[in-house]
């Protein structure tokens, strides 16, 4: 089950599942976590104060 902004989609095909898994892995690789995430959010909220 994939939830989008407007609907849920049931993904059943192996190749489609693989595409979602790859997208998740790619996005997780770009994400920041912990102190780095906190600093990123603070910089967005308070530009020039970090």
PDB file of N, CA and C in Angstrom:
ATOM      1  N   UNK A   1       0.852  -1.166   0.000  1.00  0.00           N
ATOM      2  CA  UNK A   1       0.000   0.000   0.000  1.00  0.00           C
ATOM      3  C   UNK A   1       0.900   1.231   0.000  1.00  0.00           C
ATOM      4  N   UNK A   2       0.666   2.120  -0.939  1.00  0.00           N
ATOM      5  CA  UNK A   2       1.413   3.372  -1.031  1.00  0.00           C
ATOM      6  C   UNK A   2       0.432   4.508  -0.825  1.00  0.00           C
ATOM      7  N   UNK A   3       0.720   5.362   0.118  1.00  0.00           N
ATOM      8  CA  UNK A   3      -0.143   6.502   0.384  1.00  0.00           C
ATOM      9  C   UNK A   3       0.427   7.720  -0.303  1.00  0.00           C
ATOM     10  N   UNK A   4      -0.417   8.393  -1.089  1.00  0.00           N
ATOM     11  CA  UNK A   4      -0.023   9.634  -1.748  1.00  0.00           C
ATOM     12  C   UNK A   4      -0.775  10.784  -1.088  1.00  0.00           C
ATOM     13  N   UNK A   5      -0.653  11.968  -1.618  1.00  0.00           N
ATOM     14  CA  UNK A   5      -1.355  13.111  -1.041  1.00  0.00           C
ATOM     15  C   UNK A   5      -2.868  12.976  -1.152  1.00  0.00           C
ATOM     16  N   UNK A   6      -3.341  12.299  -2.188  1.00  0.00           N
ATOM     17  CA  UNK A   6      -4.780  12.270  -2.439  1.00  0.00           C
ATOM     18  C   UNK A   6      -5.401  10.886  -2.416  1.00  0.00           C
ATOM     19  N   UNK A   7      -4.614   9.837  -2.348  1.00  0.00           N
ATOM     20  CA  UNK A   7      -5.181   8.491  -2.430  1.00  0.00           C
ATOM     21  C   UNK A   7      -4.187   7.465  -1.914  1.00  0.00           C
ATOM     22  N   UNK A   8      -4.668   6.246  -1.783  1.00  0.00           N
ATOM     23  CA  UNK A   8      -3.803   5.102  -1.495  1.00  0.00           C
ATOM     24  C   UNK A   8      -3.792   4.214  -2.729  1.00  0.00           C
ATOM     25  N   UNK A   9      -2.653   3.634  -3.015  1.00  0.00           N
ATOM     26  CA  UNK A   9      -2.507   2.767  -4.169  1.00  0.00           C
ATOM     27  C   UNK A   9      -1.953   1.437  -3.700  1.00  0.00           C
ATOM     28  N   UNK A  10      -2.541   0.372  -4.182  1.00  0.00           N
ATOM     29  CA  UNK A  10      -2.041  -0.954  -3.850  1.00  0.00           C
ATOM     30  C   UNK A  10      -1.081  -1.378  -4.967  1.00  0.00           C
ATOM     31  N   UNK A  11       0.179  -1.529  -4.626  1.00  0.00           N
ATOM     32  CA  UNK A  11       1.213  -1.896  -5.589  1.00  0.00           C
ATOM     33  C   UNK A  11       1.450  -3.397  -5.470  1.00  0.00           C
ATOM     34  N   UNK A  12       1.277  -4.109  -6.572  1.00  0.00           N
ATOM     35  CA  UNK A  12       1.360  -5.568  -6.535  1.00  0.00           C
ATOM     36  C   UNK A  12       2.482  -6.136  -7.422  1.00  0.00           C
ATOM     37  N   UNK A  13       2.887  -5.414  -8.443  1.00  0.00           N
ATOM     38  CA  UNK A  13       3.881  -5.913  -9.385  1.00  0.00           C
ATOM     39  C   UNK A  13       5.280  -5.834  -8.774  1.00  0.00           C
ATOM     40  N   UNK A  14       6.054  -6.874  -8.966  1.00  0.00           N
ATOM     41  CA  UNK A  14       7.415  -6.925  -8.406  1.00  0.00           C
ATOM     42  C   UNK A  14       8.268  -5.752  -8.871  1.00  0.00           C
ATOM     43  N   UNK A  15       8.167  -5.408 -10.144  1.00  0.00           N
ATOM     44  CA  UNK A  15       8.996  -4.306 -10.653  1.00  0.00           C
ATOM     45  C   UNK A  15       8.582  -2.974 -10.034  1.00  0.00           C
ATOM     46  N   UNK A  16       7.286  -2.796  -9.767  1.00  0.00           N
ATOM     47  CA  UNK A  16       6.830  -1.578  -9.118  1.00  0.00           C
ATOM     48  C   UNK A  16       7.310  -1.529  -7.666  1.00  0.00           C
ATOM     49  N   UNK A  17       7.231  -2.640  -6.977  1.00  0.00           N
ATOM     50  CA  UNK A  17       7.735  -2.707  -5.604  1.00  0.00           C
ATOM     51  C   UNK A  17       9.220  -2.378  -5.569  1.00  0.00           C
ATOM     52  N   UNK A  18       9.954  -2.891  -6.539  1.00  0.00           N
ATOM     53  CA  UNK A  18      11.389  -2.618  -6.607  1.00  0.00           C
ATOM     54  C   UNK A  18      11.655  -1.128  -6.824  1.00  0.00           C
ATOM     55  N   UNK A  19      10.827  -0.473  -7.635  1.00  0.00           N
ATOM     56  CA  UNK A  19      10.997   0.962  -7.874  1.00  0.00           C
ATOM     57  C   UNK A  19      10.764   1.757  -6.590  1.00  0.00           C
ATOM     58  N   UNK A  20       9.727   1.391  -5.832  1.00  0.00           N
ATOM     59  CA  UNK A  20       9.469   2.082  -4.573  1.00  0.00           C
ATOM     60  C   UNK A  20      10.586   1.814  -3.566  1.00  0.00           C
ATOM     61  N   UNK A  21      11.077   0.593  -3.524  1.00  0.00           N
ATOM     62  CA  UNK A  21      12.165   0.267  -2.607  1.00  0.00           C
ATOM     63  C   UNK A  21      13.420   1.067  -2.954  1.00  0.00           C
ATOM     64  N   UNK A  22      13.715   1.187  -4.250  1.00  0.00           N
ATOM     65  CA  UNK A  22      14.880   1.958  -4.672  1.00  0.00           C
ATOM     66  C   UNK A  22      14.701   3.433  -4.334  1.00  0.00           C
ATOM     67  N   UNK A  23      13.505   3.975  -4.582  1.00  0.00           N
ATOM     68  CA  UNK A  23      13.245   5.382  -4.269  1.00  0.00           C
ATOM     69  C   UNK A  23      13.418   5.630  -2.770  1.00  0.00           C
ATOM     70  N   UNK A  24      12.902   4.718  -1.943  1.00  0.00           N
ATOM     71  CA  UNK A  24      13.041   4.862  -0.496  1.00  0.00           C
ATOM     72  C   UNK A  24      14.510   4.846  -0.098  1.00  0.00           C
ATOM     73  N   UNK A  25      15.266   3.910  -0.649  1.00  0.00           N
ATOM     74  CA  UNK A  25      16.693   3.809  -0.344  1.00  0.00           C
ATOM     75  C   UNK A  25      17.434   5.072  -0.779  1.00  0.00           C
ATOM     76  N   UNK A  26      17.112   5.565  -1.977  1.00  0.00           N
ATOM     77  CA  UNK A  26      17.760   6.785  -2.471  1.00  0.00           C
ATOM     78  C   UNK A  26      17.444   7.980  -1.574  1.00  0.00           C
ATOM     79  N   UNK A  27      16.169   8.132  -1.201  1.00  0.00           N
ATOM     80  CA  UNK A  27      15.778   9.255  -0.353  1.00  0.00           C
ATOM     81  C   UNK A  27      16.384   9.133   1.047  1.00  0.00           C
ATOM     82  N   UNK A  28      16.428   7.919   1.578  1.00  0.00           N
ATOM     83  CA  UNK A  28      17.036   7.707   2.892  1.00  0.00           C
ATOM     84  C   UNK A  28      18.516   8.076   2.862  1.00  0.00           C
ATOM     85  N   UNK A  29      19.167   7.840   1.731  1.00  0.00           N
ATOM     86  CA  UNK A  29      20.573   8.198   1.589  1.00  0.00           C
ATOM     87  C   UNK A  29      20.810   9.698   1.557  1.00  0.00           C
ATOM     88  N   UNK A  30      19.798  10.462   1.147  1.00  0.00           N
ATOM     89  CA  UNK A  30      19.912  11.919   1.103  1.00  0.00           C
ATOM     90  C   UNK A  30      19.489  12.572   2.412  1.00  0.00           C
ATOM     91  N   UNK A  31      18.838  11.819   3.257  1.00  0.00           N
ATOM     92  CA  UNK A  31      18.299  12.372   4.503  1.00  0.00           C
ATOM     93  C   UNK A  31      19.409  12.668   5.500  1.00  0.00           C
ATOM     94  N   UNK A  32      19.107  13.570   6.411  1.00  0.00           N
ATOM     95  CA  UNK A  32      20.004  13.843   7.532  1.00  0.00           C
ATOM     96  C   UNK A  32      19.283  13.451   8.814  1.00  0.00           C
ATOM     97  N   UNK A  33      20.054  13.050   9.808  1.00  0.00           N
ATOM     98  CA  UNK A  33      19.495  12.517  11.039  1.00  0.00           C
ATOM     99  C   UNK A  33      20.172  13.165  12.245  1.00  0.00           C
ATOM    100  N   UNK A  34      19.527  13.058  13.384  1.00  0.00           N
ATOM    101  CA  UNK A  34      20.133  13.483  14.644  1.00  0.00           C
ATOM    102  C   UNK A  34      20.515  14.946  14.657  1.00  0.00           C
ATOM    103  N   UNK A  35      21.729  15.230  15.140  1.00  0.00           N
ATOM    104  CA  UNK A  35      22.201  16.610  15.270  1.00  0.00           C
ATOM    105  C   UNK A  35      22.239  17.329  13.925  1.00  0.00           C
ATOM    106  N   UNK A  36      22.596  16.614  12.867  1.00  0.00           N
ATOM    107  CA  UNK A  36      22.641  17.232  11.537  1.00  0.00           C
ATOM    108  C   UNK A  36      21.239  17.654  11.094  1.00  0.00           C
ATOM    109  N   UNK A  37      20.233  16.836  11.381  1.00  0.00           N
ATOM    110  CA  UNK A  37      18.848  17.183  11.034  1.00  0.00           C
ATOM    111  C   UNK A  37      18.393  18.395  11.842  1.00  0.00           C
ATOM    112  N   UNK A  38      18.707  18.397  13.114  1.00  0.00           N
ATOM    113  CA  UNK A  38      18.332  19.520  13.987  1.00  0.00           C
ATOM    114  C   UNK A  38      18.953  20.820  13.465  1.00  0.00           C
ATOM    115  N   UNK A  39      20.224  20.776  13.104  1.00  0.00           N
ATOM    116  CA  UNK A  39      20.905  21.964  12.589  1.00  0.00           C
ATOM    117  C   UNK A  39      20.280  22.414  11.267  1.00  0.00           C
ATOM    118  N   UNK A  40      19.905  21.475  10.434  1.00  0.00           N
ATOM    119  CA  UNK A  40      19.278  21.775   9.145  1.00  0.00           C
ATOM    120  C   UNK A  40      17.960  22.511   9.360  1.00  0.00           C
ATOM    121  N   UNK A  41      17.129  22.007  10.270  1.00  0.00           N
ATOM    122  CA  UNK A  41      15.834  22.634  10.556  1.00  0.00           C
ATOM    123  C   UNK A  41      16.035  24.007  11.186  1.00  0.00           C
ATOM    124  N   UNK A  42      16.953  24.103  12.127  1.00  0.00           N
ATOM    125  CA  UNK A  42      17.209  25.395  12.769  1.00  0.00           C
ATOM    126  C   UNK A  42      17.695  26.428  11.763  1.00  0.00           C
ATOM    127  N   UNK A  43      18.520  26.012  10.826  1.00  0.00           N
ATOM    128  CA  UNK A  43      19.010  26.932   9.801  1.00  0.00           C
ATOM    129  C   UNK A  43      17.872  27.416   8.912  1.00  0.00           C
ATOM    130  N   UNK A  44      16.888  26.542   8.656  1.00  0.00           N
ATOM    131  CA  UNK A  44      15.745  26.940   7.852  1.00  0.00           C
ATOM    132  C   UNK A  44      14.837  27.908   8.598  1.00  0.00           C
ATOM    133  N   UNK A  45      14.721  27.700   9.898  1.00  0.00           N
ATOM    134  CA  UNK A  45      13.851  28.554  10.719  1.00  0.00           C
ATOM    135  C   UNK A  45      14.511  29.897  10.994  1.00  0.00           C
ATOM    136  N   UNK A  46      15.797  29.863  11.300  1.00  0.00           N
ATOM    137  CA  UNK A  46      16.537  31.062  11.682  1.00  0.00           C
ATOM    138  C   UNK A  46      17.743  31.266  10.768  1.00  0.00           C
ATOM    139  N   UNK A  47      17.520  31.648   9.516  1.00  0.00           N
ATOM    140  CA  UNK A  47      18.655  31.826   8.607  1.00  0.00           C
ATOM    141  C   UNK A  47      19.681  32.804   9.167  1.00  0.00           C
ATOM    142  N   UNK A  48      20.935  32.433   9.078  1.00  0.00           N
ATOM    143  CA  UNK A  48      22.030  33.285   9.527  1.00  0.00           C
ATOM    144  C   UNK A  48      22.284  33.241  11.034  1.00  0.00           C
ATOM    145  N   UNK A  49      21.608  32.350  11.770  1.00  0.00           N
ATOM    146  CA  UNK A  49      21.800  32.272  13.218  1.00  0.00           C
ATOM    147  C   UNK A  49      22.439  30.955  13.646  1.00  0.00           C
ATOM    148  N   UNK A  50      23.240  30.378  12.816  1.00  0.00           N
ATOM    149  CA  UNK A  50      23.883  29.122  13.236  1.00  0.00           C
ATOM    150  C   UNK A  50      25.366  29.180  13.032  1.00  0.00           C
TER     151      UNK A  50
END
